[in-house]
Amino acid sequence: HIYLTEYQMKCEEQADNFKAHMHIHKNEMSHRHYKAIKLAGAYTFADNSTEITQDHLDYAISVVEDSGEAFHTLMRKQGPYERLAHYLADCDNDVTQHELMEELPFYRGSEAQRKDLMTLATSFGYRNNIIIKKRTLDEIEFFNGETLMETDLSGITVAVSKDIAYDFAIPDIKPPFDMLHKLTTTDGYHYTAHGFVNGHRTSENVIPGFDLLILDCDGDVSISTVKVLLEDYSFLISTTKRHTEELNRFRLILPISHRIKLTAND
């Protein structure tokens, strides 16, 4: 059966891509077509058919692929540093070294060992959208983690007001990024990339969490240069009242890849 032969060749090719030390993964992958044949035969018997059909093979291959993925997931156990990173990301409050040692059986050993584990957890988080922060108060270390959410361009966080300092509010239905120009070109409205407590625009009232980066460009770079530099990215340019052809003054608005929560100290 040509279809099955193609699947066998695909499995063997993928098996060759595994590293030498991953012999169990390699064997599982290279033998998937055998499992597919056996399972397709079982489907054929259940259908009282005398031949293995394309549908039988499709069903069998689908099950074998799902089974193989589950097998590889089981084979890859989370390391202690991964579990530490996920634990910190799930914590609602700051935790101390003492609390970590009480809650996590694997968080043991000398101070140097625990420091290494935290360093590994931080580097793992960096690659997996988890931010781990540390602050020290009275020589006591406090840790907290946060899982970064990808920015949704169909609903951007922006607070709007007709007053420059008061009544800022985030709309119930957040605007998509490609419609944001309607806000920036409407007279009489002010906007920010995050909300404020009670709508009062002050630094101490900032509600953490933003997915836009707003840069004020006051003649130090031209619009044409920005368009060239950012041609592969999504961005919005909104000129100000003082903008001229000779001296470009504008706001450059960029969506960032993930929603970030920062404090004034950060």
C-alpha atoms as a PDB file:
ATOM      1  CA  HIS A   1       0.000   0.000   0.000  1.00  0.00           C
ATOM      2  CA  ILE A   2       1.684   3.221  -1.204  1.00  0.00           C
ATOM      3  CA  TYR A   3       0.024   5.339   1.493  1.00  0.00           C
ATOM      4  CA  LEU A   4       1.403   3.107   4.258  1.00  0.00           C
ATOM      5  CA  THR A   5       4.852   3.036   2.650  1.00  0.00           C
ATOM      6  CA  GLU A   6       4.903   6.841   2.612  1.00  0.00           C
ATOM      7  CA  TYR A   7       3.954   6.875   6.293  1.00  0.00           C
ATOM      8  CA  GLN A   8       6.738   4.390   7.071  1.00  0.00           C
ATOM      9  CA  MET A   9       9.286   6.562   5.263  1.00  0.00           C
ATOM     10  CA  LYS A  10       8.048   9.626   7.139  1.00  0.00           C
ATOM     11  CA  CYS A  11       8.397   7.854  10.499  1.00  0.00           C
ATOM     12  CA  GLU A  12      11.897   6.609   9.699  1.00  0.00           C
ATOM     13  CA  GLU A  13      12.955  10.086   8.587  1.00  0.00           C
ATOM     14  CA  GLN A  14      11.668  11.628  11.816  1.00  0.00           C
ATOM     15  CA  ALA A  15      13.349   8.867  13.841  1.00  0.00           C
ATOM     16  CA  ASP A  16      16.690   9.759  12.253  1.00  0.00           C
ATOM     17  CA  ASN A  17      16.297  13.326  13.524  1.00  0.00           C
ATOM     18  CA  PHE A  18      16.438  12.247  17.174  1.00  0.00           C
ATOM     19  CA  LYS A  19      19.754  12.562  19.000  1.00  0.00           C
ATOM     20  CA  ALA A  20      21.814   9.424  19.638  1.00  0.00           C
ATOM     21  CA  HIS A  21      20.988   9.354  23.362  1.00  0.00           C
ATOM     22  CA  MET A  22      17.234   9.379  22.613  1.00  0.00           C
ATOM     23  CA  HIS A  23      17.157   5.739  21.511  1.00  0.00           C
ATOM     24  CA  ILE A  24      13.775   5.036  23.133  1.00  0.00           C
ATOM     25  CA  HIS A  25      12.182   7.941  21.274  1.00  0.00           C
ATOM     26  CA  LYS A  26      13.900   6.807  18.076  1.00  0.00           C
ATOM     27  CA  ASN A  27      12.569   3.241  18.382  1.00  0.00           C
ATOM     28  CA  GLU A  28       9.040   4.409  19.151  1.00  0.00           C
ATOM     29  CA  MET A  29       8.996   6.661  16.109  1.00  0.00           C
ATOM     30  CA  SER A  30      10.501   4.119  13.697  1.00  0.00           C
ATOM     31  CA  HIS A  31       7.937   1.456  14.728  1.00  0.00           C
ATOM     32  CA  ARG A  32       4.829   3.595  14.440  1.00  0.00           C
ATOM     33  CA  HIS A  33       3.917   2.215  11.031  1.00  0.00           C
ATOM     34  CA  TYR A  34       3.864  -1.340  12.498  1.00  0.00           C
ATOM     35  CA  LYS A  35       1.363  -0.206  15.114  1.00  0.00           C
ATOM     36  CA  ALA A  36      -0.660   1.519  12.406  1.00  0.00           C
ATOM     37  CA  ILE A  37      -0.853  -1.720  10.369  1.00  0.00           C
ATOM     38  CA  LYS A  38      -2.023  -3.741  13.376  1.00  0.00           C
ATOM     39  CA  LEU A  39      -4.609  -1.165  14.382  1.00  0.00           C
ATOM     40  CA  ALA A  40      -5.860  -0.784  10.808  1.00  0.00           C
ATOM     41  CA  GLY A  41      -6.274  -4.568  10.715  1.00  0.00           C
ATOM     42  CA  ALA A  42      -8.345  -4.411  13.892  1.00  0.00           C
ATOM     43  CA  TYR A  43     -10.573  -1.734  12.337  1.00  0.00           C
ATOM     44  CA  THR A  44     -10.928  -3.893   9.214  1.00  0.00           C
ATOM     45  CA  PHE A  45     -11.989  -6.899  11.295  1.00  0.00           C
ATOM     46  CA  ALA A  46     -14.483  -4.789  13.259  1.00  0.00           C
ATOM     47  CA  ASP A  47     -16.035  -3.610   9.965  1.00  0.00           C
ATOM     48  CA  ASN A  48     -16.293  -7.199   8.653  1.00  0.00           C
ATOM     49  CA  SER A  49     -14.205  -6.075   5.695  1.00  0.00           C
ATOM     50  CA  THR A  50     -11.761  -8.180   3.700  1.00  0.00           C
ATOM     51  CA  GLU A  51      -9.412  -5.312   2.827  1.00  0.00           C
ATOM     52  CA  ILE A  52      -7.745  -2.484   4.700  1.00  0.00           C
ATOM     53  CA  THR A  53      -9.155   0.744   3.297  1.00  0.00           C
ATOM     54  CA  GLN A  54      -7.812   4.284   3.278  1.00  0.00           C
ATOM     55  CA  ASP A  55     -10.217   5.197   6.090  1.00  0.00           C
ATOM     56  CA  HIS A  56      -8.935   2.329   8.234  1.00  0.00           C
ATOM     57  CA  LEU A  57      -5.378   3.568   7.775  1.00  0.00           C
ATOM     58  CA  ASP A  58      -6.322   7.189   8.487  1.00  0.00           C
ATOM     59  CA  TYR A  59      -8.068   6.238  11.732  1.00  0.00           C
ATOM     60  CA  ALA A  60      -5.178   3.999  12.769  1.00  0.00           C
ATOM     61  CA  ILE A  61      -2.474   6.568  11.987  1.00  0.00           C
ATOM     62  CA  SER A  62      -4.387   9.257  13.876  1.00  0.00           C
ATOM     63  CA  VAL A  63      -4.542   7.083  17.006  1.00  0.00           C
ATOM     64  CA  VAL A  64      -0.892   6.036  16.673  1.00  0.00           C
ATOM     65  CA  GLU A  65       0.231   9.673  16.321  1.00  0.00           C
ATOM     66  CA  ASP A  66      -1.749  10.746  19.391  1.00  0.00           C
ATOM     67  CA  SER A  67      -0.364   7.794  21.328  1.00  0.00           C
ATOM     68  CA  GLY A  68       3.176   8.657  20.261  1.00  0.00           C
ATOM     69  CA  GLU A  69       2.848  12.282  21.339  1.00  0.00           C
ATOM     70  CA  ALA A  70       1.507  11.176  24.723  1.00  0.00           C
ATOM     71  CA  PHE A  71       4.456   8.783  25.059  1.00  0.00           C
ATOM     72  CA  HIS A  72       6.988  11.538  24.386  1.00  0.00           C
ATOM     73  CA  THR A  73       5.237  13.774  26.913  1.00  0.00           C
ATOM     74  CA  LEU A  74       5.572  11.059  29.562  1.00  0.00           C
ATOM     75  CA  MET A  75       9.217  10.525  28.698  1.00  0.00           C
ATOM     76  CA  ARG A  76      10.029  14.176  29.195  1.00  0.00           C
ATOM     77  CA  LYS A  77       9.638  14.727  32.921  1.00  0.00           C
ATOM     78  CA  GLN A  78       9.696  18.251  34.263  1.00  0.00           C
ATOM     79  CA  GLY A  79      12.951  19.106  35.981  1.00  0.00           C
ATOM     80  CA  PRO A  80      12.944  20.675  39.471  1.00  0.00           C
ATOM     81  CA  TYR A  81      13.723  24.106  38.034  1.00  0.00           C
ATOM     82  CA  GLU A  82      10.723  23.865  35.668  1.00  0.00           C
ATOM     83  CA  ARG A  83       8.413  22.926  38.530  1.00  0.00           C
ATOM     84  CA  LEU A  84       9.833  25.802  40.583  1.00  0.00           C
ATOM     85  CA  ALA A  85       9.196  28.277  37.757  1.00  0.00           C
ATOM     86  CA  HIS A  86       5.602  27.088  37.291  1.00  0.00           C
ATOM     87  CA  TYR A  87       4.994  27.122  41.047  1.00  0.00           C
ATOM     88  CA  LEU A  88       6.129  30.740  41.337  1.00  0.00           C
ATOM     89  CA  ALA A  89       4.020  31.705  38.323  1.00  0.00           C
ATOM     90  CA  ASP A  90       0.944  30.215  40.025  1.00  0.00           C
ATOM     91  CA  CYS A  91       1.531  31.993  43.363  1.00  0.00           C
ATOM     92  CA  ASP A  92      -0.674  35.009  43.982  1.00  0.00           C
ATOM     93  CA  ASN A  93       1.692  36.543  46.541  1.00  0.00           C
ATOM     94  CA  ASP A  94       5.412  36.870  47.192  1.00  0.00           C
ATOM     95  CA  VAL A  95       7.034  33.827  48.791  1.00  0.00           C
ATOM     96  CA  THR A  96      10.190  33.519  50.886  1.00  0.00           C
ATOM     97  CA  GLN A  97      12.949  30.920  50.896  1.00  0.00           C
ATOM     98  CA  HIS A  98      11.407  29.404  54.018  1.00  0.00           C
ATOM     99  CA  GLU A  99       7.987  29.056  52.376  1.00  0.00           C
ATOM    100  CA  LEU A 100       9.497  27.497  49.263  1.00  0.00           C
ATOM    101  CA  MET A 101      11.356  24.920  51.362  1.00  0.00           C
ATOM    102  CA  GLU A 102       8.140  24.045  53.203  1.00  0.00           C
ATOM    103  CA  GLU A 103       5.964  23.779  50.099  1.00  0.00           C
ATOM    104  CA  LEU A 104       8.346  22.146  47.613  1.00  0.00           C
ATOM    105  CA  PRO A 105      10.037  18.845  48.571  1.00  0.00           C
ATOM    106  CA  PHE A 106      12.621  19.249  45.803  1.00  0.00           C
ATOM    107  CA  TYR A 107      13.668  22.721  46.995  1.00  0.00           C
ATOM    108  CA  ARG A 108      16.265  21.493  49.448  1.00  0.00           C
ATOM    109  CA  GLY A 109      20.006  21.444  49.925  1.00  0.00           C
ATOM    110  CA  SER A 110      22.558  24.118  50.656  1.00  0.00           C
ATOM    111  CA  GLU A 111      22.107  27.803  49.970  1.00  0.00           C
ATOM    112  CA  ALA A 112      24.299  27.473  46.870  1.00  0.00           C
ATOM    113  CA  GLN A 113      22.182  24.593  45.525  1.00  0.00           C
ATOM    114  CA  ARG A 114      18.961  26.534  46.045  1.00  0.00           C
ATOM    115  CA  LYS A 115      20.483  29.593  44.408  1.00  0.00           C
ATOM    116  CA  ASP A 116      21.471  27.504  41.375  1.00  0.00           C
ATOM    117  CA  LEU A 117      17.956  26.061  41.191  1.00  0.00           C
ATOM    118  CA  MET A 118      16.436  29.550  41.258  1.00  0.00           C
ATOM    119  CA  THR A 119      18.842  30.690  38.538  1.00  0.00           C
ATOM    120  CA  LEU A 120      17.840  27.737  36.348  1.00  0.00           C
ATOM    121  CA  ALA A 121      14.151  28.449  37.008  1.00  0.00           C
ATOM    122  CA  THR A 122      14.644  32.080  36.013  1.00  0.00           C
ATOM    123  CA  SER A 123      16.415  31.150  32.772  1.00  0.00           C
ATOM    124  CA  PHE A 124      13.729  28.547  31.993  1.00  0.00           C
ATOM    125  CA  GLY A 125      11.058  31.174  32.579  1.00  0.00           C
ATOM    126  CA  TYR A 126      12.829  33.592  30.253  1.00  0.00           C
ATOM    127  CA  ARG A 127      12.389  31.109  27.400  1.00  0.00           C
ATOM    128  CA  ASN A 128       8.856  30.102  28.375  1.00  0.00           C
ATOM    129  CA  ASN A 129       7.121  33.436  29.044  1.00  0.00           C
ATOM    130  CA  ILE A 130       7.466  33.302  32.828  1.00  0.00           C
ATOM    131  CA  ILE A 131       8.975  36.272  34.651  1.00  0.00           C
ATOM    132  CA  ILE A 132      10.531  35.579  38.059  1.00  0.00           C
ATOM    133  CA  LYS A 133      11.376  38.600  40.210  1.00  0.00           C
ATOM    134  CA  LYS A 134      13.274  38.895  43.476  1.00  0.00           C
ATOM    135  CA  ARG A 135      13.286  41.686  46.016  1.00  0.00           C
ATOM    136  CA  THR A 136      15.093  41.907  49.343  1.00  0.00           C
ATOM    137  CA  LEU A 137      13.691  43.458  52.514  1.00  0.00           C
ATOM    138  CA  ASP A 138      15.625  43.367  55.800  1.00  0.00           C
ATOM    139  CA  GLU A 139      17.914  40.715  54.248  1.00  0.00           C
ATOM    140  CA  ILE A 140      14.896  38.491  53.513  1.00  0.00           C
ATOM    141  CA  GLU A 141      14.419  37.427  49.888  1.00  0.00           C
ATOM    142  CA  PHE A 142      10.930  37.552  48.387  1.00  0.00           C
ATOM    143  CA  PHE A 143      10.137  35.870  45.071  1.00  0.00           C
ATOM    144  CA  ASN A 144       7.187  36.154  42.731  1.00  0.00           C
ATOM    145  CA  GLY A 145       6.429  34.879  39.266  1.00  0.00           C
ATOM    146  CA  GLU A 146       4.094  35.796  36.462  1.00  0.00           C
ATOM    147  CA  THR A 147       3.065  34.027  33.276  1.00  0.00           C
ATOM    148  CA  LEU A 148       3.043  36.444  30.362  1.00  0.00           C
ATOM    149  CA  MET A 149      -0.044  36.420  28.166  1.00  0.00           C
ATOM    150  CA  GLU A 150       0.324  36.948  24.431  1.00  0.00           C
ATOM    151  CA  THR A 151      -1.002  40.261  23.162  1.00  0.00           C
ATOM    152  CA  ASP A 152      -4.350  39.938  21.413  1.00  0.00           C
ATOM    153  CA  LEU A 153      -4.387  42.422  18.526  1.00  0.00           C
ATOM    154  CA  SER A 154      -8.166  42.096  18.287  1.00  0.00           C
ATOM    155  CA  GLY A 155      -8.554  43.716  21.716  1.00  0.00           C
ATOM    156  CA  ILE A 156      -5.906  46.225  22.807  1.00  0.00           C
ATOM    157  CA  THR A 157      -5.842  47.781  26.289  1.00  0.00           C
ATOM    158  CA  VAL A 158      -6.249  51.553  26.061  1.00  0.00           C
ATOM    159  CA  ALA A 159      -7.781  54.035  28.514  1.00  0.00           C
ATOM    160  CA  VAL A 160      -9.672  57.020  27.092  1.00  0.00           C
ATOM    161  CA  SER A 161     -10.849  60.343  28.499  1.00  0.00           C
ATOM    162  CA  LYS A 162     -11.897  63.804  27.336  1.00  0.00           C
ATOM    163  CA  ASP A 163      -9.948  65.242  30.263  1.00  0.00           C
ATOM    164  CA  ILE A 164      -6.165  65.170  30.375  1.00  0.00           C
ATOM    165  CA  ALA A 165      -6.020  64.032  34.020  1.00  0.00           C
ATOM    166  CA  TYR A 166      -9.381  62.582  35.092  1.00  0.00           C
ATOM    167  CA  ASP A 167     -12.089  60.119  34.057  1.00  0.00           C
ATOM    168  CA  PHE A 168      -9.814  57.701  32.204  1.00  0.00           C
ATOM    169  CA  ALA A 169     -11.594  54.415  31.528  1.00  0.00           C
ATOM    170  CA  ILE A 170     -10.880  51.240  29.568  1.00  0.00           C
ATOM    171  CA  PRO A 171     -13.817  50.413  27.240  1.00  0.00           C
ATOM    172  CA  ASP A 172     -15.768  47.231  27.972  1.00  0.00           C
ATOM    173  CA  ILE A 173     -15.099  46.171  24.394  1.00  0.00           C
ATOM    174  CA  LYS A 174     -11.424  46.751  23.706  1.00  0.00           C
ATOM    175  CA  PRO A 175     -10.644  48.118  20.235  1.00  0.00           C
ATOM    176  CA  PRO A 176      -8.600  46.085  17.743  1.00  0.00           C
ATOM    177  CA  PHE A 177      -5.192  47.508  16.924  1.00  0.00           C
ATOM    178  CA  ASP A 178      -6.071  48.106  13.274  1.00  0.00           C
ATOM    179  CA  MET A 179      -8.896  50.444  14.373  1.00  0.00           C
ATOM    180  CA  LEU A 180      -6.827  52.415  16.874  1.00  0.00           C
ATOM    181  CA  HIS A 181      -6.210  55.193  14.354  1.00  0.00           C
ATOM    182  CA  LYS A 182      -9.829  56.278  14.750  1.00  0.00           C
ATOM    183  CA  LEU A 183      -9.103  57.137  18.381  1.00  0.00           C
ATOM    184  CA  THR A 184      -5.781  58.866  17.744  1.00  0.00           C
ATOM    185  CA  THR A 185      -7.262  61.057  14.995  1.00  0.00           C
ATOM    186  CA  THR A 186     -10.397  62.097  16.911  1.00  0.00           C
ATOM    187  CA  ASP A 187     -10.180  65.583  18.428  1.00  0.00           C
ATOM    188  CA  GLY A 188     -10.838  66.111  22.112  1.00  0.00           C
ATOM    189  CA  TYR A 189      -9.752  62.684  23.385  1.00  0.00           C
ATOM    190  CA  HIS A 190      -6.730  61.654  25.430  1.00  0.00           C
ATOM    191  CA  TYR A 191      -5.494  58.066  25.638  1.00  0.00           C
ATOM    192  CA  THR A 192      -2.981  55.967  27.568  1.00  0.00           C
ATOM    193  CA  ALA A 193      -1.735  52.373  27.322  1.00  0.00           C
ATOM    194  CA  HIS A 194      -3.069  51.385  30.765  1.00  0.00           C
ATOM    195  CA  GLY A 195      -5.836  52.190  33.207  1.00  0.00           C
ATOM    196  CA  PHE A 196      -5.802  54.223  36.419  1.00  0.00           C
ATOM    197  CA  VAL A 197      -7.412  53.760  39.817  1.00  0.00           C
ATOM    198  CA  ASN A 198     -10.585  55.875  39.873  1.00  0.00           C
ATOM    199  CA  GLY A 199      -9.619  57.150  36.423  1.00  0.00           C
ATOM    200  CA  HIS A 200      -7.144  59.658  37.894  1.00  0.00           C
ATOM    201  CA  ARG A 201      -4.044  59.908  35.709  1.00  0.00           C
ATOM    202  CA  THR A 202      -1.093  59.854  38.111  1.00  0.00           C
ATOM    203  CA  SER A 203       1.905  57.517  38.334  1.00  0.00           C
ATOM    204  CA  GLU A 204       0.819  56.110  41.711  1.00  0.00           C
ATOM    205  CA  ASN A 205      -2.647  55.269  40.311  1.00  0.00           C
ATOM    206  CA  VAL A 206      -1.396  53.208  37.381  1.00  0.00           C
ATOM    207  CA  ILE A 207      -3.077  49.796  37.098  1.00  0.00           C
ATOM    208  CA  PRO A 208      -0.346  47.293  36.107  1.00  0.00           C
ATOM    209  CA  GLY A 209      -0.732  45.651  32.718  1.00  0.00           C
ATOM    210  CA  PHE A 210      -0.176  47.016  29.226  1.00  0.00           C
ATOM    211  CA  ASP A 211       0.247  45.645  25.715  1.00  0.00           C
ATOM    212  CA  LEU A 212       1.144  48.849  23.849  1.00  0.00           C
ATOM    213  CA  LEU A 213       4.385  50.790  23.734  1.00  0.00           C
ATOM    214  CA  ILE A 214       3.819  54.506  23.052  1.00  0.00           C
ATOM    215  CA  LEU A 215       6.876  56.571  22.116  1.00  0.00           C
ATOM    216  CA  ASP A 216       6.897  60.350  21.691  1.00  0.00           C
ATOM    217  CA  CYS A 217       9.162  61.284  18.786  1.00  0.00           C
ATOM    218  CA  ASP A 218       9.935  64.998  18.837  1.00  0.00           C
ATOM    219  CA  GLY A 219      11.954  65.671  15.708  1.00  0.00           C
ATOM    220  CA  ASP A 220      14.796  63.272  16.481  1.00  0.00           C
ATOM    221  CA  VAL A 221      13.732  60.720  13.854  1.00  0.00           C
ATOM    222  CA  SER A 222      11.760  61.031  10.634  1.00  0.00           C
ATOM    223  CA  ILE A 223       8.577  59.166   9.779  1.00  0.00           C
ATOM    224  CA  SER A 224      10.177  57.779   6.624  1.00  0.00           C
ATOM    225  CA  THR A 225      13.030  56.296   8.669  1.00  0.00           C
ATOM    226  CA  VAL A 226      10.602  54.698  11.115  1.00  0.00           C
ATOM    227  CA  LYS A 227       8.655  53.116   8.254  1.00  0.00           C
ATOM    228  CA  VAL A 228      11.825  51.559   6.873  1.00  0.00           C
ATOM    229  CA  LEU A 229      13.068  50.303  10.241  1.00  0.00           C
ATOM    230  CA  LEU A 230       9.697  48.830  11.251  1.00  0.00           C
ATOM    231  CA  GLU A 231       8.493  47.540   7.894  1.00  0.00           C
ATOM    232  CA  ASP A 232       8.236  43.979   9.262  1.00  0.00           C
ATOM    233  CA  TYR A 233       6.256  44.991  12.364  1.00  0.00           C
ATOM    234  CA  SER A 234       2.797  46.274  13.242  1.00  0.00           C
ATOM    235  CA  PHE A 235       2.836  49.932  14.256  1.00  0.00           C
ATOM    236  CA  LEU A 236       0.797  53.124  14.168  1.00  0.00           C
ATOM    237  CA  ILE A 237       2.099  56.642  13.599  1.00  0.00           C
ATOM    238  CA  SER A 238       0.007  59.524  14.921  1.00  0.00           C
ATOM    239  CA  THR A 239       1.303  63.017  14.167  1.00  0.00           C
ATOM    240  CA  THR A 240       0.943  65.817  16.730  1.00  0.00           C
ATOM    241  CA  LYS A 241      -0.257  69.399  16.226  1.00  0.00           C
ATOM    242  CA  ARG A 242       3.346  70.629  16.096  1.00  0.00           C
ATOM    243  CA  HIS A 243       4.282  68.222  13.294  1.00  0.00           C
ATOM    244  CA  THR A 244       5.754  69.707  10.109  1.00  0.00           C
ATOM    245  CA  GLU A 245       7.276  68.230   6.970  1.00  0.00           C
ATOM    246  CA  GLU A 246      10.673  69.578   8.010  1.00  0.00           C
ATOM    247  CA  LEU A 247      10.486  68.483  11.651  1.00  0.00           C
ATOM    248  CA  ASN A 248       8.470  65.314  12.238  1.00  0.00           C
ATOM    249  CA  ARG A 249       6.701  65.197  15.591  1.00  0.00           C
ATOM    250  CA  PHE A 250       4.556  62.150  16.206  1.00  0.00           C
ATOM    251  CA  ARG A 251       3.595  59.305  18.475  1.00  0.00           C
ATOM    252  CA  LEU A 252       4.840  55.855  17.550  1.00  0.00           C
ATOM    253  CA  ILE A 253       2.476  53.185  18.881  1.00  0.00           C
ATOM    254  CA  LEU A 254       3.684  49.577  18.906  1.00  0.00           C
ATOM    255  CA  PRO A 255       1.925  46.450  20.174  1.00  0.00           C
ATOM    256  CA  ILE A 256       4.330  44.319  22.221  1.00  0.00           C
ATOM    257  CA  SER A 257       4.367  40.534  21.932  1.00  0.00           C
ATOM    258  CA  HIS A 258       3.145  39.854  25.491  1.00  0.00           C
ATOM    259  CA  ARG A 259       1.153  41.744  28.081  1.00  0.00           C
ATOM    260  CA  ILE A 260       3.512  43.074  30.769  1.00  0.00           C
ATOM    261  CA  LYS A 261       2.875  44.224  34.324  1.00  0.00           C
ATOM    262  CA  LEU A 262       5.431  46.659  35.698  1.00  0.00           C
ATOM    263  CA  THR A 263       5.587  48.847  38.775  1.00  0.00           C
ATOM    264  CA  ALA A 264       7.254  52.258  39.076  1.00  0.00           C
ATOM    265  CA  ASN A 265      10.265  50.541  40.689  1.00  0.00           C
ATOM    266  CA  ASP A 266      10.626  48.145  37.756  1.00  0.00           C
END
